[in-house]
Structures are given as structure tokens and as C-alpha cells.
Amino acid sequence: MTLSPENRAEVASMIEEAMDKHVKTSSVISAAVGFTLLALFVEGLLRLLGIIPAFMGIDINVMS
């Protein structure tokens, strides 16, 4: 089955729209995961330094 030029253009535009949506969605997901990991890292670092109190009595302080 061959596509007419009109159908080819329509298919190309549908693929382009799908790729745009995919890129936008994946960017939002990636930003959310990155922000979450960064927040967890900073939270752990602040607990390690003793700036934030220990969680449920677990003391991981390395500073006196």
C-alpha cells in the first residue's frame, strides 16, 4: 500500500505532534525525578550535619 502525498504529510504531522508531546512529558517527569533526588540528598546531608534533628531516634551524626 502506498500513501498519497497528502496522506504522507498528514502522517508526518501526526508523528511530529506525538514526538513533541513525548518530549514535553518526559521533560516534566525528568525534572520531577531530579528535583526529588536532589531534595532527598540535601535532606540527608542536613541530617548528617545535625542541622535537622534525627528521624525516629536514628542518630547518624558524625559531628560532635
N, C-alpha and C. Protein backbone atom coordinates (compact mmCIF):
# COMPACT_ATOMS: atom_id res chain seq x y z
N MET A 1 0.85 -1.18 0.00
CA MET A 1 0.00 0.00 0.00
C MET A 1 0.89 1.24 0.00
N THR A 2 0.61 2.14 -0.88
CA THR A 2 1.37 3.37 -0.96
C THR A 2 0.50 4.52 -0.48
N LEU A 3 1.17 5.52 0.07
CA LEU A 3 0.47 6.69 0.57
C LEU A 3 0.53 7.82 -0.43
N SER A 4 -0.55 8.54 -0.52
CA SER A 4 -0.55 9.71 -1.39
C SER A 4 0.24 10.83 -0.68
N PRO A 5 0.67 11.82 -1.42
CA PRO A 5 1.42 12.93 -0.79
C PRO A 5 0.65 13.62 0.33
N GLU A 6 -0.67 13.71 0.19
CA GLU A 6 -1.47 14.35 1.24
C GLU A 6 -1.43 13.50 2.53
N ASN A 7 -1.56 12.18 2.34
CA ASN A 7 -1.54 11.30 3.50
C ASN A 7 -0.16 11.27 4.15
N ARG A 8 0.89 11.34 3.32
CA ARG A 8 2.24 11.37 3.86
C ARG A 8 2.43 12.60 4.75
N ALA A 9 1.93 13.74 4.30
CA ALA A 9 2.06 14.97 5.07
C ALA A 9 1.26 14.87 6.37
N GLU A 10 0.09 14.26 6.29
CA GLU A 10 -0.74 14.10 7.49
C GLU A 10 -0.05 13.17 8.49
N VAL A 11 0.50 12.07 8.00
CA VAL A 11 1.20 11.12 8.88
C VAL A 11 2.43 11.80 9.49
N ALA A 12 3.15 12.56 8.70
CA ALA A 12 4.34 13.26 9.20
C ALA A 12 3.97 14.26 10.29
N SER A 13 2.85 14.97 10.10
CA SER A 13 2.44 15.94 11.11
C SER A 13 1.96 15.24 12.38
N MET A 14 1.31 14.08 12.24
CA MET A 14 0.88 13.31 13.42
C MET A 14 2.09 12.80 14.20
N ILE A 15 3.10 12.33 13.50
CA ILE A 15 4.32 11.86 14.15
C ILE A 15 5.01 13.02 14.87
N GLU A 16 5.07 14.16 14.22
CA GLU A 16 5.71 15.34 14.82
C GLU A 16 4.98 15.77 16.10
N GLU A 17 3.64 15.77 16.07
CA GLU A 17 2.87 16.13 17.26
C GLU A 17 3.09 15.13 18.39
N ALA A 18 3.14 13.85 18.05
CA ALA A 18 3.36 12.82 19.07
C ALA A 18 4.75 12.96 19.69
N MET A 19 5.75 13.26 18.87
CA MET A 19 7.11 13.44 19.39
C MET A 19 7.19 14.67 20.28
N ASP A 20 6.52 15.76 19.90
CA ASP A 20 6.51 16.96 20.73
C ASP A 20 5.90 16.67 22.09
N LYS A 21 4.77 15.96 22.10
CA LYS A 21 4.11 15.61 23.35
C LYS A 21 5.01 14.72 24.20
N HIS A 22 5.66 13.76 23.57
CA HIS A 22 6.55 12.85 24.29
C HIS A 22 7.71 13.61 24.94
N VAL A 23 8.31 14.53 24.20
CA VAL A 23 9.45 15.29 24.71
C VAL A 23 9.02 16.15 25.89
N LYS A 24 7.87 16.81 25.77
CA LYS A 24 7.38 17.66 26.87
C LYS A 24 7.07 16.83 28.11
N THR A 25 6.41 15.69 27.93
CA THR A 25 6.05 14.84 29.06
C THR A 25 7.30 14.28 29.72
N SER A 26 8.24 13.80 28.92
CA SER A 26 9.45 13.22 29.51
C SER A 26 10.29 14.28 30.20
N SER A 27 10.26 15.51 29.72
CA SER A 27 10.99 16.59 30.37
C SER A 27 10.41 16.89 31.75
N VAL A 28 9.10 16.92 31.85
CA VAL A 28 8.44 17.18 33.13
C VAL A 28 8.74 16.05 34.12
N ILE A 29 8.65 14.81 33.65
CA ILE A 29 8.93 13.67 34.52
C ILE A 29 10.39 13.70 34.98
N SER A 30 11.30 13.96 34.07
CA SER A 30 12.71 14.01 34.41
C SER A 30 13.01 15.12 35.41
N ALA A 31 12.40 16.28 35.24
CA ALA A 31 12.59 17.38 36.18
C ALA A 31 12.06 17.02 37.56
N ALA A 32 10.91 16.37 37.62
CA ALA A 32 10.33 15.98 38.91
C ALA A 32 11.21 14.96 39.62
N VAL A 33 11.70 13.97 38.89
CA VAL A 33 12.58 12.96 39.50
C VAL A 33 13.88 13.60 39.96
N GLY A 34 14.46 14.46 39.15
CA GLY A 34 15.70 15.14 39.52
C GLY A 34 15.54 16.01 40.75
N PHE A 35 14.45 16.77 40.80
CA PHE A 35 14.20 17.62 41.96
C PHE A 35 14.02 16.78 43.22
N THR A 36 13.30 15.67 43.10
CA THR A 36 13.08 14.80 44.26
C THR A 36 14.39 14.22 44.76
N LEU A 37 15.22 13.73 43.86
CA LEU A 37 16.51 13.17 44.27
C LEU A 37 17.41 14.22 44.90
N LEU A 38 17.41 15.42 44.35
CA LEU A 38 18.21 16.50 44.92
C LEU A 38 17.71 16.86 46.32
N ALA A 39 16.39 16.92 46.48
CA ALA A 39 15.82 17.24 47.79
C ALA A 39 16.16 16.16 48.82
N LEU A 40 16.10 14.90 48.43
CA LEU A 40 16.45 13.82 49.36
C LEU A 40 17.93 13.86 49.72
N PHE A 41 18.79 14.17 48.75
CA PHE A 41 20.21 14.29 49.03
C PHE A 41 20.48 15.41 50.04
N VAL A 42 19.88 16.58 49.81
CA VAL A 42 20.09 17.72 50.70
C VAL A 42 19.54 17.41 52.10
N GLU A 43 18.39 16.75 52.15
CA GLU A 43 17.80 16.39 53.45
C GLU A 43 18.73 15.45 54.21
N GLY A 44 19.28 14.46 53.54
CA GLY A 44 20.21 13.53 54.18
C GLY A 44 21.48 14.23 54.63
N LEU A 45 21.99 15.14 53.81
CA LEU A 45 23.19 15.88 54.18
C LEU A 45 22.94 16.75 55.41
N LEU A 46 21.80 17.42 55.46
CA LEU A 46 21.49 18.27 56.61
C LEU A 46 21.29 17.44 57.87
N ARG A 47 20.72 16.23 57.74
CA ARG A 47 20.61 15.35 58.90
C ARG A 47 21.98 14.87 59.35
N LEU A 48 22.86 14.57 58.40
CA LEU A 48 24.21 14.12 58.72
C LEU A 48 24.99 15.20 59.46
N LEU A 49 24.80 16.43 59.07
CA LEU A 49 25.49 17.54 59.72
C LEU A 49 24.83 17.97 61.01
N GLY A 50 23.67 17.42 61.33
CA GLY A 50 23.00 17.73 62.58
C GLY A 50 22.15 18.97 62.55
N ILE A 51 21.91 19.52 61.37
CA ILE A 51 21.09 20.73 61.25
C ILE A 51 19.61 20.38 61.40
N ILE A 52 19.22 19.23 60.86
CA ILE A 52 17.86 18.72 61.01
C ILE A 52 17.92 17.60 62.05
N PRO A 53 16.98 17.57 63.00
CA PRO A 53 17.02 16.52 64.02
C PRO A 53 16.84 15.12 63.43
N ALA A 54 17.30 14.13 64.17
CA ALA A 54 17.25 12.75 63.72
C ALA A 54 15.81 12.30 63.50
N PHE A 55 15.63 11.38 62.57
CA PHE A 55 14.31 10.85 62.24
C PHE A 55 14.05 9.60 63.06
N MET A 56 12.99 9.58 63.82
CA MET A 56 12.57 8.43 64.63
C MET A 56 13.69 7.94 65.55
N GLY A 57 14.48 8.84 66.07
CA GLY A 57 15.52 8.48 67.02
C GLY A 57 16.76 7.88 66.41
N ILE A 58 16.86 7.80 65.10
CA ILE A 58 18.07 7.27 64.46
C ILE A 58 19.07 8.40 64.36
N ASP A 59 20.18 8.24 65.05
CA ASP A 59 21.18 9.30 65.08
C ASP A 59 22.35 8.94 64.18
N ILE A 60 22.53 9.68 63.09
CA ILE A 60 23.63 9.43 62.18
C ILE A 60 24.65 10.55 62.23
N ASN A 61 24.63 11.35 63.29
CA ASN A 61 25.53 12.48 63.42
C ASN A 61 26.97 12.03 63.39
N VAL A 62 27.77 12.69 62.57
CA VAL A 62 29.22 12.45 62.57
C VAL A 62 29.97 13.61 63.21
N MET A 63 29.24 14.70 63.44
CA MET A 63 29.83 15.86 64.10
C MET A 63 29.51 15.80 65.59
N SER A 64 30.43 16.22 66.40
CA SER A 64 30.17 16.18 67.85
C SER A 64 29.34 17.34 68.32
